[in-house]
Amino acid sequence: MCHKFAYCYIQAQLSTGDIEWDKTTQGWILSAFYLGFGSTQALGGILAGRYGGKLVLFLGQVILTIATILTPVAARFVKTFFISSSDDIAI
């Protein structure tokens, strides 16, 4: 029995996913996200020093928006593309 409604709701949402991935695939997806996150931090810093922070932040948000829109499609059809879009989300 759940004592906190939000916690129960989150657990219910997590357990009723419609995409079933094995542990290896989940590991690849998480690894892609964290590697993409780390690499884009360094690249973003270099580009911000060269072109200015506003432009880099704007372009990062545009890429993030496109990657977020494509994520559900990628998750259903192509695992390799989903892993590469996880890298883009880390921007």
Protein backbone atom coordinates (compact mmCIF):
# COMPACT_ATOMS: atom_id res chain seq x y z
CA MET A 1 0.00 0.00 0.00
CA CYS A 2 1.31 3.43 -0.92
CA HIS A 3 1.21 6.20 1.64
CA LYS A 4 2.08 9.00 -0.75
CA PHE A 5 -0.10 9.45 -3.81
CA ALA A 6 2.64 10.90 -6.04
CA TYR A 7 5.01 8.02 -5.29
CA CYS A 8 2.31 5.44 -6.10
CA TYR A 9 1.41 7.26 -9.30
CA ILE A 10 5.04 7.35 -10.45
CA GLN A 11 5.53 3.67 -9.68
CA ALA A 12 2.36 2.81 -11.58
CA GLN A 13 3.57 4.80 -14.59
CA LEU A 14 6.98 3.13 -14.55
CA SER A 15 5.60 -0.37 -14.33
CA THR A 16 3.07 -0.04 -17.16
CA GLY A 17 5.41 0.92 -20.01
CA ASP A 18 4.57 -0.38 -23.43
CA ILE A 19 8.17 -0.78 -24.60
CA GLU A 20 9.94 -3.82 -23.22
CA TRP A 21 13.74 -3.61 -23.35
CA ASP A 22 16.19 -6.05 -21.88
CA LYS A 23 18.84 -4.89 -19.40
CA THR A 24 21.53 -4.68 -22.09
CA THR A 25 19.47 -2.29 -24.23
CA GLN A 26 18.62 -0.18 -21.20
CA GLY A 27 22.31 0.00 -20.37
CA TRP A 28 23.20 1.14 -23.89
CA ILE A 29 20.55 3.85 -23.78
CA LEU A 30 21.69 5.15 -20.39
CA SER A 31 25.32 5.04 -21.48
CA ALA A 32 24.53 6.98 -24.65
CA PHE A 33 22.74 9.65 -22.63
CA TYR A 34 25.56 10.12 -20.13
CA LEU A 35 28.34 10.02 -22.73
CA GLY A 36 26.44 12.54 -24.84
CA PHE A 37 25.86 14.74 -21.81
CA GLY A 38 29.53 14.79 -20.86
CA SER A 39 30.84 15.37 -24.36
CA THR A 40 28.40 18.17 -25.16
CA GLN A 41 29.34 20.02 -21.96
CA ALA A 42 32.94 20.34 -23.14
CA LEU A 43 31.95 21.13 -26.73
CA GLY A 44 29.39 23.71 -25.58
CA GLY A 45 32.00 25.45 -23.46
CA ILE A 46 34.42 25.68 -26.37
CA LEU A 47 31.74 26.93 -28.75
CA ALA A 48 30.42 29.45 -26.21
CA GLY A 49 33.90 30.88 -25.82
CA ARG A 50 34.22 31.22 -29.57
CA TYR A 51 30.71 32.32 -30.66
CA GLY A 52 29.03 33.51 -27.47
CA GLY A 53 26.80 31.81 -24.96
CA LYS A 54 23.46 33.06 -26.31
CA LEU A 55 23.93 31.53 -29.75
CA VAL A 56 25.17 28.22 -28.38
CA LEU A 57 22.31 28.04 -25.86
CA PHE A 58 19.75 28.84 -28.57
CA LEU A 59 21.07 26.21 -30.98
CA GLY A 60 21.30 23.68 -28.15
CA GLN A 61 17.66 24.27 -27.29
CA VAL A 62 16.59 23.89 -30.92
CA ILE A 63 18.45 20.58 -31.20
CA LEU A 64 17.02 19.47 -27.84
CA THR A 65 13.48 20.27 -28.97
CA ILE A 66 13.85 18.30 -32.20
CA ALA A 67 15.44 15.34 -30.40
CA THR A 68 12.67 15.35 -27.78
CA ILE A 69 9.97 15.32 -30.45
CA LEU A 70 11.69 12.43 -32.25
CA THR A 71 12.31 10.35 -29.10
CA PRO A 72 8.98 8.44 -28.98
CA VAL A 73 9.18 7.59 -32.67
CA ALA A 74 12.79 6.50 -32.35
CA ALA A 75 12.07 4.39 -29.25
CA ARG A 76 9.42 2.38 -31.08
CA PHE A 77 11.12 1.77 -34.39
CA VAL A 78 14.89 1.98 -34.34
CA LYS A 79 16.95 1.33 -31.20
CA THR A 80 20.17 2.58 -32.80
CA PHE A 81 18.54 5.91 -33.67
CA PHE A 82 17.11 6.14 -30.18
CA ILE A 83 20.56 5.74 -28.70
CA SER A 84 21.88 8.51 -30.96
CA SER A 85 18.92 10.76 -30.11
CA SER A 86 19.70 10.15 -26.42
CA ASP A 87 23.09 11.70 -27.13
CA ASP A 88 21.37 14.74 -28.62
CA ILE A 89 19.08 15.12 -25.64
CA ALA A 90 22.11 15.50 -23.42
CA ILE A 91 22.82 18.83 -25.08
